């Protein structure tokens, strides 16, 4: 078995340096100067735009991976890491809220994968689904 510690360590170092430098020197100065004046669109429209973009990403990932459930897991795990892990560790979200969010994320993406899989043409379905 080959160990993948070199590429993992390299990716970790690059992610740390680029992210930290990007936040300190690029993102934070812009965020401090760019105060939102309110919603750009009504909340219902914003919600449907978010859902449409999420499903477009999911459809692309499901076709690339040829597996709706793997695609759903990948997106759910990414959402979990970006929202629950980051926000909890930064003190922006409580543990119970993160747990509830995790459960909702898991149920949502599993449901999306099930519906997609059920209605997908047979050539997009694999035995691994």
N, C-alpha and C. Protein backbone atom coordinates (compact mmCIF):
# COMPACT_ATOMS: atom_id res chain seq x y z
N UNK A 1 0.84 -1.18 0.00
CA UNK A 1 0.00 0.00 0.00
C UNK A 1 0.88 1.24 0.00
N UNK A 2 0.63 2.13 -0.94
CA UNK A 2 1.40 3.37 -0.99
C UNK A 2 0.78 4.40 -0.05
N UNK A 3 1.64 5.08 0.66
CA UNK A 3 1.16 6.14 1.54
C UNK A 3 1.08 7.43 0.74
N UNK A 4 0.05 8.18 0.98
CA UNK A 4 -0.17 9.42 0.25
C UNK A 4 0.15 10.62 1.12
N UNK A 5 1.06 10.50 2.05
CA UNK A 5 1.31 11.59 2.98
C UNK A 5 1.95 12.80 2.31
N UNK A 6 2.78 12.61 1.28
CA UNK A 6 3.42 13.75 0.61
C UNK A 6 2.40 14.65 -0.08
N UNK A 7 1.53 14.10 -0.93
CA UNK A 7 0.57 15.00 -1.57
C UNK A 7 -0.44 15.59 -0.58
N UNK A 8 -0.80 14.82 0.44
CA UNK A 8 -1.73 15.33 1.45
C UNK A 8 -1.08 16.46 2.24
N UNK A 9 0.16 16.27 2.65
CA UNK A 9 0.88 17.31 3.38
C UNK A 9 1.08 18.55 2.51
N UNK A 10 1.44 18.35 1.25
CA UNK A 10 1.62 19.49 0.34
C UNK A 10 0.30 20.25 0.16
N UNK A 11 -0.78 19.52 -0.02
CA UNK A 11 -2.09 20.16 -0.17
C UNK A 11 -2.48 20.91 1.10
N UNK A 12 -2.20 20.33 2.27
CA UNK A 12 -2.49 20.97 3.55
C UNK A 12 -1.72 22.29 3.69
N UNK A 13 -0.43 22.26 3.37
CA UNK A 13 0.40 23.46 3.48
C UNK A 13 -0.08 24.54 2.51
N UNK A 14 -0.31 24.16 1.26
CA UNK A 14 -0.77 25.13 0.26
C UNK A 14 -2.13 25.70 0.65
N UNK A 15 -3.05 24.85 1.09
CA UNK A 15 -4.38 25.33 1.51
C UNK A 15 -4.27 26.30 2.67
N UNK A 16 -3.42 25.99 3.63
CA UNK A 16 -3.24 26.86 4.79
C UNK A 16 -2.67 28.22 4.39
N UNK A 17 -1.60 28.22 3.60
CA UNK A 17 -0.94 29.46 3.22
C UNK A 17 -1.83 30.31 2.32
N UNK A 18 -2.38 29.71 1.27
CA UNK A 18 -3.20 30.47 0.33
C UNK A 18 -4.47 30.99 1.01
N UNK A 19 -5.13 30.16 1.80
CA UNK A 19 -6.35 30.58 2.49
C UNK A 19 -6.09 31.71 3.48
N UNK A 20 -5.09 31.52 4.32
CA UNK A 20 -4.79 32.53 5.34
C UNK A 20 -4.36 33.85 4.69
N UNK A 21 -3.45 33.79 3.75
CA UNK A 21 -3.00 35.00 3.08
C UNK A 21 -4.15 35.65 2.30
N UNK A 22 -4.95 34.83 1.66
CA UNK A 22 -6.09 35.35 0.91
C UNK A 22 -7.09 36.06 1.79
N UNK A 23 -7.38 35.48 2.95
CA UNK A 23 -8.33 36.11 3.88
C UNK A 23 -7.75 37.40 4.44
N UNK A 24 -6.50 37.37 4.90
CA UNK A 24 -5.89 38.54 5.53
C UNK A 24 -5.68 39.69 4.55
N UNK A 25 -5.11 39.39 3.39
CA UNK A 25 -4.71 40.45 2.47
C UNK A 25 -5.71 40.76 1.37
N UNK A 26 -6.67 39.88 1.13
CA UNK A 26 -7.60 40.09 0.03
C UNK A 26 -9.05 40.19 0.52
N UNK A 27 -9.54 39.13 1.15
CA UNK A 27 -10.95 39.06 1.50
C UNK A 27 -11.35 40.04 2.60
N UNK A 28 -10.65 40.07 3.72
CA UNK A 28 -11.05 40.93 4.84
C UNK A 28 -11.08 42.41 4.48
N UNK A 29 -10.08 42.95 3.78
CA UNK A 29 -10.18 44.37 3.41
C UNK A 29 -11.40 44.68 2.54
N UNK A 30 -11.72 43.77 1.63
CA UNK A 30 -12.89 43.98 0.78
C UNK A 30 -14.17 43.87 1.62
N UNK A 31 -14.24 42.86 2.48
CA UNK A 31 -15.44 42.65 3.29
C UNK A 31 -15.71 43.83 4.23
N UNK A 32 -14.65 44.43 4.79
CA UNK A 32 -14.83 45.58 5.68
C UNK A 32 -15.40 46.79 4.92
N UNK A 33 -15.03 46.95 3.68
CA UNK A 33 -15.47 48.10 2.89
C UNK A 33 -16.79 47.87 2.17
N UNK A 34 -17.22 46.64 2.05
CA UNK A 34 -18.41 46.30 1.25
C UNK A 34 -19.57 45.91 2.16
N UNK A 35 -20.27 46.90 2.70
CA UNK A 35 -21.39 46.61 3.59
C UNK A 35 -22.67 46.44 2.76
N UNK A 36 -23.36 45.32 2.95
CA UNK A 36 -24.60 45.11 2.18
C UNK A 36 -25.70 46.07 2.65
N UNK A 37 -26.50 46.50 1.70
CA UNK A 37 -27.60 47.42 2.02
C UNK A 37 -28.91 46.67 2.23
N UNK A 38 -28.91 45.38 2.04
CA UNK A 38 -30.12 44.58 2.19
C UNK A 38 -30.19 43.56 1.08
N UNK A 39 -31.24 42.76 1.07
CA UNK A 39 -31.37 41.73 0.04
C UNK A 39 -31.46 42.33 -1.36
N UNK A 40 -30.86 41.65 -2.32
CA UNK A 40 -30.91 42.09 -3.71
C UNK A 40 -32.25 41.72 -4.33
N UNK A 41 -32.79 40.57 -3.91
CA UNK A 41 -34.08 40.08 -4.41
C UNK A 41 -34.93 39.68 -3.20
N UNK A 42 -36.22 39.51 -3.39
CA UNK A 42 -37.06 39.02 -2.30
C UNK A 42 -36.58 37.64 -1.82
N UNK A 43 -36.76 37.34 -0.52
CA UNK A 43 -36.25 36.07 0.03
C UNK A 43 -36.70 34.82 -0.74
N UNK A 44 -37.94 34.76 -1.19
CA UNK A 44 -38.41 33.57 -1.91
C UNK A 44 -37.64 33.38 -3.21
N UNK A 45 -37.38 34.47 -3.91
CA UNK A 45 -36.63 34.37 -5.16
C UNK A 45 -35.19 33.95 -4.87
N UNK A 46 -34.59 34.53 -3.84
CA UNK A 46 -33.24 34.14 -3.44
C UNK A 46 -33.15 32.67 -3.10
N UNK A 47 -34.16 32.15 -2.40
CA UNK A 47 -34.18 30.74 -2.03
C UNK A 47 -34.23 29.86 -3.29
N UNK A 48 -35.09 30.21 -4.25
CA UNK A 48 -35.21 29.39 -5.45
C UNK A 48 -33.97 29.48 -6.34
N UNK A 49 -33.30 30.62 -6.35
CA UNK A 49 -32.03 30.74 -7.09
C UNK A 49 -30.99 29.82 -6.45
N UNK A 50 -30.92 29.85 -5.09
CA UNK A 50 -30.00 28.97 -4.35
C UNK A 50 -30.28 27.50 -4.67
N UNK A 51 -31.55 27.10 -4.64
CA UNK A 51 -31.92 25.71 -4.91
C UNK A 51 -31.57 25.34 -6.36
N UNK A 52 -31.88 26.22 -7.30
CA UNK A 52 -31.58 25.93 -8.71
C UNK A 52 -30.08 25.75 -8.94
N UNK A 53 -29.27 26.62 -8.35
CA UNK A 53 -27.82 26.49 -8.49
C UNK A 53 -27.30 25.22 -7.82
N UNK A 54 -27.87 24.88 -6.67
CA UNK A 54 -27.47 23.65 -5.96
C UNK A 54 -27.79 22.41 -6.78
N UNK A 55 -28.96 22.38 -7.38
CA UNK A 55 -29.36 21.22 -8.18
C UNK A 55 -28.55 21.16 -9.47
N UNK A 56 -28.22 22.30 -10.05
CA UNK A 56 -27.36 22.29 -11.24
C UNK A 56 -26.00 21.70 -10.90
N UNK A 57 -25.44 22.09 -9.78
CA UNK A 57 -24.16 21.51 -9.33
C UNK A 57 -24.31 20.01 -9.06
N UNK A 58 -25.38 19.64 -8.39
CA UNK A 58 -25.62 18.23 -8.09
C UNK A 58 -25.75 17.40 -9.37
N UNK A 59 -26.53 17.90 -10.34
CA UNK A 59 -26.71 17.17 -11.60
C UNK A 59 -25.37 16.96 -12.29
N UNK A 60 -24.55 17.99 -12.35
CA UNK A 60 -23.24 17.88 -12.97
C UNK A 60 -22.39 16.84 -12.23
N UNK A 61 -22.36 16.93 -10.89
CA UNK A 61 -21.55 16.00 -10.09
C UNK A 61 -22.06 14.56 -10.25
N UNK A 62 -23.37 14.38 -10.25
CA UNK A 62 -23.94 13.03 -10.39
C UNK A 62 -23.58 12.42 -11.74
N UNK A 63 -23.62 13.24 -12.79
CA UNK A 63 -23.25 12.73 -14.11
C UNK A 63 -21.75 12.44 -14.19
N UNK A 64 -20.92 13.30 -13.60
CA UNK A 64 -19.47 13.07 -13.61
C UNK A 64 -19.10 11.82 -12.84
N UNK A 65 -19.73 11.63 -11.69
CA UNK A 65 -19.41 10.48 -10.83
C UNK A 65 -20.20 9.24 -11.22
N UNK A 66 -21.22 9.42 -12.04
CA UNK A 66 -22.14 8.36 -12.43
C UNK A 66 -22.76 7.69 -11.21
N UNK A 67 -23.05 8.51 -10.21
CA UNK A 67 -23.63 7.99 -8.98
C UNK A 67 -24.26 9.14 -8.20
N UNK A 68 -25.58 9.15 -8.14
CA UNK A 68 -26.29 10.25 -7.47
C UNK A 68 -25.98 10.30 -5.98
N UNK A 69 -25.85 9.16 -5.35
CA UNK A 69 -25.61 9.15 -3.90
C UNK A 69 -24.21 9.62 -3.55
N UNK A 70 -23.23 9.25 -4.36
CA UNK A 70 -21.86 9.75 -4.12
C UNK A 70 -21.81 11.27 -4.30
N UNK A 71 -22.49 11.76 -5.33
CA UNK A 71 -22.52 13.20 -5.57
C UNK A 71 -23.20 13.92 -4.41
N UNK A 72 -24.30 13.36 -3.94
CA UNK A 72 -25.01 13.97 -2.81
C UNK A 72 -24.13 13.97 -1.57
N UNK A 73 -23.43 12.87 -1.32
CA UNK A 73 -22.54 12.80 -0.16
C UNK A 73 -21.42 13.82 -0.27
N UNK A 74 -20.84 13.97 -1.45
CA UNK A 74 -19.75 14.92 -1.64
C UNK A 74 -20.23 16.35 -1.35
N UNK A 75 -21.38 16.72 -1.87
CA UNK A 75 -21.90 18.07 -1.65
C UNK A 75 -22.29 18.26 -0.18
N UNK A 76 -22.94 17.25 0.41
CA UNK A 76 -23.33 17.36 1.82
C UNK A 76 -22.10 17.47 2.72
N UNK A 77 -21.08 16.68 2.45
CA UNK A 77 -19.86 16.74 3.26
C UNK A 77 -19.18 18.10 3.12
N UNK A 78 -19.17 18.63 1.91
CA UNK A 78 -18.58 19.95 1.69
C UNK A 78 -19.37 21.01 2.45
N UNK A 79 -20.67 20.95 2.37
CA UNK A 79 -21.52 21.90 3.08
C UNK A 79 -21.30 21.79 4.60
N UNK A 80 -21.21 20.57 5.09
CA UNK A 80 -20.98 20.34 6.52
C UNK A 80 -19.66 20.97 6.96
N UNK A 81 -18.60 20.72 6.20
CA UNK A 81 -17.28 21.26 6.56
C UNK A 81 -17.28 22.78 6.49
N UNK A 82 -17.83 23.34 5.42
CA UNK A 82 -17.81 24.79 5.24
C UNK A 82 -18.69 25.53 6.24
N UNK A 83 -19.81 24.95 6.61
CA UNK A 83 -20.75 25.66 7.48
C UNK A 83 -20.61 25.21 8.93
N UNK A 84 -20.78 23.95 9.20
CA UNK A 84 -20.82 23.50 10.59
C UNK A 84 -19.45 23.46 11.25
N UNK A 85 -18.47 22.88 10.61
CA UNK A 85 -17.15 22.79 11.24
C UNK A 85 -16.55 24.19 11.39
N UNK A 86 -16.51 24.94 10.29
CA UNK A 86 -15.90 26.27 10.34
C UNK A 86 -16.63 27.18 11.32
N UNK A 87 -17.95 27.24 11.25
CA UNK A 87 -18.70 28.14 12.12
C UNK A 87 -18.61 27.75 13.59
N UNK A 88 -18.62 26.47 13.90
CA UNK A 88 -18.51 26.03 15.30
C UNK A 88 -17.13 26.38 15.84
N UNK A 89 -16.08 26.05 15.09
CA UNK A 89 -14.73 26.32 15.56
C UNK A 89 -14.45 27.82 15.68
N UNK A 90 -15.11 28.63 14.86
CA UNK A 90 -14.92 30.08 14.93
C UNK A 90 -15.84 30.74 15.96
N UNK A 91 -16.69 29.94 16.61
CA UNK A 91 -17.60 30.49 17.61
C UNK A 91 -18.80 31.21 17.04
N UNK A 92 -19.16 30.94 15.79
CA UNK A 92 -20.30 31.59 15.15
C UNK A 92 -21.56 30.73 15.17
N UNK A 93 -21.43 29.49 15.67
CA UNK A 93 -22.58 28.58 15.69
C UNK A 93 -22.42 27.63 16.87
N UNK A 94 -23.52 27.35 17.56
CA UNK A 94 -23.50 26.43 18.69
C UNK A 94 -23.52 24.98 18.23
N UNK A 95 -23.17 24.08 19.14
CA UNK A 95 -23.12 22.66 18.80
C UNK A 95 -24.49 22.07 18.47
N UNK A 96 -25.52 22.47 19.20
CA UNK A 96 -26.86 21.94 18.91
C UNK A 96 -27.34 22.41 17.54
N UNK A 97 -27.07 23.67 17.22
CA UNK A 97 -27.44 24.19 15.90
C UNK A 97 -26.68 23.46 14.81
N UNK A 98 -25.40 23.20 15.04
CA UNK A 98 -24.60 22.46 14.07
C UNK A 98 -25.12 21.04 13.90
N UNK A 99 -25.51 20.41 14.99
CA UNK A 99 -26.06 19.05 14.91
C UNK A 99 -27.36 19.04 14.11
N UNK A 100 -28.23 20.01 14.38
CA UNK A 100 -29.49 20.11 13.64
C UNK A 100 -29.21 20.38 12.16
N UNK A 101 -28.26 21.25 11.89
CA UNK A 101 -27.90 21.56 10.51
C UNK A 101 -27.36 20.33 9.80
N UNK A 102 -26.52 19.57 10.48
CA UNK A 102 -25.95 18.36 9.90
C UNK A 102 -27.05 17.37 9.54
N UNK A 103 -27.99 17.18 10.44
CA UNK A 103 -29.11 16.26 10.18
C UNK A 103 -29.93 16.75 8.98
N UNK A 104 -30.22 18.04 8.94
CA UNK A 104 -30.99 18.59 7.83
C UNK A 104 -30.24 18.46 6.51
N UNK A 105 -28.95 18.74 6.52
CA UNK A 105 -28.13 18.60 5.31
C UNK A 105 -28.16 17.15 4.83
N UNK A 106 -27.97 16.20 5.73
CA UNK A 106 -27.94 14.78 5.35
C UNK A 106 -29.28 14.33 4.77
N UNK A 107 -30.37 14.70 5.42
CA UNK A 107 -31.71 14.30 4.94
C UNK A 107 -32.01 14.96 3.59
N UNK A 108 -31.67 16.23 3.47
CA UNK A 108 -31.94 16.95 2.22
C UNK A 108 -31.21 16.31 1.04
N UNK A 109 -29.90 16.10 1.18
CA UNK A 109 -29.13 15.57 0.05
C UNK A 109 -29.44 14.11 -0.22
N UNK A 110 -29.75 13.32 0.79
CA UNK A 110 -30.17 11.93 0.55
C UNK A 110 -31.49 11.90 -0.19
N UNK A 111 -32.41 12.80 0.15
CA UNK A 111 -33.70 12.88 -0.54
C UNK A 111 -33.53 13.32 -1.99
N UNK A 112 -32.66 14.30 -2.19
CA UNK A 112 -32.38 14.76 -3.56
C UNK A 112 -31.81 13.62 -4.39
N UNK A 113 -30.85 12.89 -3.84
CA UNK A 113 -30.24 11.76 -4.56
C UNK A 113 -31.28 10.69 -4.88
N UNK A 114 -32.16 10.40 -3.94
CA UNK A 114 -33.19 9.37 -4.16
C UNK A 114 -34.14 9.78 -5.28
N UNK A 115 -34.60 11.03 -5.25
CA UNK A 115 -35.51 11.51 -6.30
C UNK A 115 -34.81 11.52 -7.66
N UNK A 116 -33.59 12.00 -7.68
CA UNK A 116 -32.82 12.06 -8.93
C UNK A 116 -32.61 10.66 -9.48
N UNK A 117 -32.21 9.76 -8.62
CA UNK A 117 -31.95 8.37 -9.03
C UNK A 117 -33.21 7.71 -9.57
N UNK A 118 -34.34 7.97 -8.93
CA UNK A 118 -35.60 7.36 -9.33
C UNK A 118 -36.00 7.81 -10.73
N UNK A 119 -35.79 9.10 -11.03
CA UNK A 119 -36.24 9.64 -12.30
C UNK A 119 -35.15 9.72 -13.37
N UNK A 120 -33.93 9.37 -13.03
CA UNK A 120 -32.82 9.46 -14.00
C UNK A 120 -32.97 8.38 -15.07
N UNK A 121 -32.56 8.72 -16.31
CA UNK A 121 -32.56 7.69 -17.35
C UNK A 121 -31.64 6.54 -16.95
N UNK A 122 -31.93 5.37 -17.41
CA UNK A 122 -31.18 4.17 -17.01
C UNK A 122 -29.69 4.27 -17.30
N UNK A 123 -29.29 5.01 -18.38
CA UNK A 123 -27.86 5.09 -18.69
C UNK A 123 -27.08 5.89 -17.64
N UNK A 124 -27.80 6.69 -16.81
CA UNK A 124 -27.13 7.44 -15.75
C UNK A 124 -27.14 6.70 -14.43
N UNK A 125 -27.73 5.54 -14.41
CA UNK A 125 -27.80 4.76 -13.18
C UNK A 125 -26.78 3.63 -13.23
N UNK A 126 -26.07 3.47 -12.14
CA UNK A 126 -25.10 2.38 -12.03
C UNK A 126 -25.55 1.42 -10.95
N UNK A 127 -24.94 0.26 -10.93
CA UNK A 127 -25.30 -0.71 -9.91
C UNK A 127 -24.80 -0.28 -8.52
N UNK A 128 -23.89 0.72 -8.50
CA UNK A 128 -23.36 1.20 -7.22
C UNK A 128 -24.31 2.14 -6.51
N UNK A 129 -25.32 2.68 -7.23
CA UNK A 129 -26.28 3.62 -6.61
C UNK A 129 -27.10 2.93 -5.56
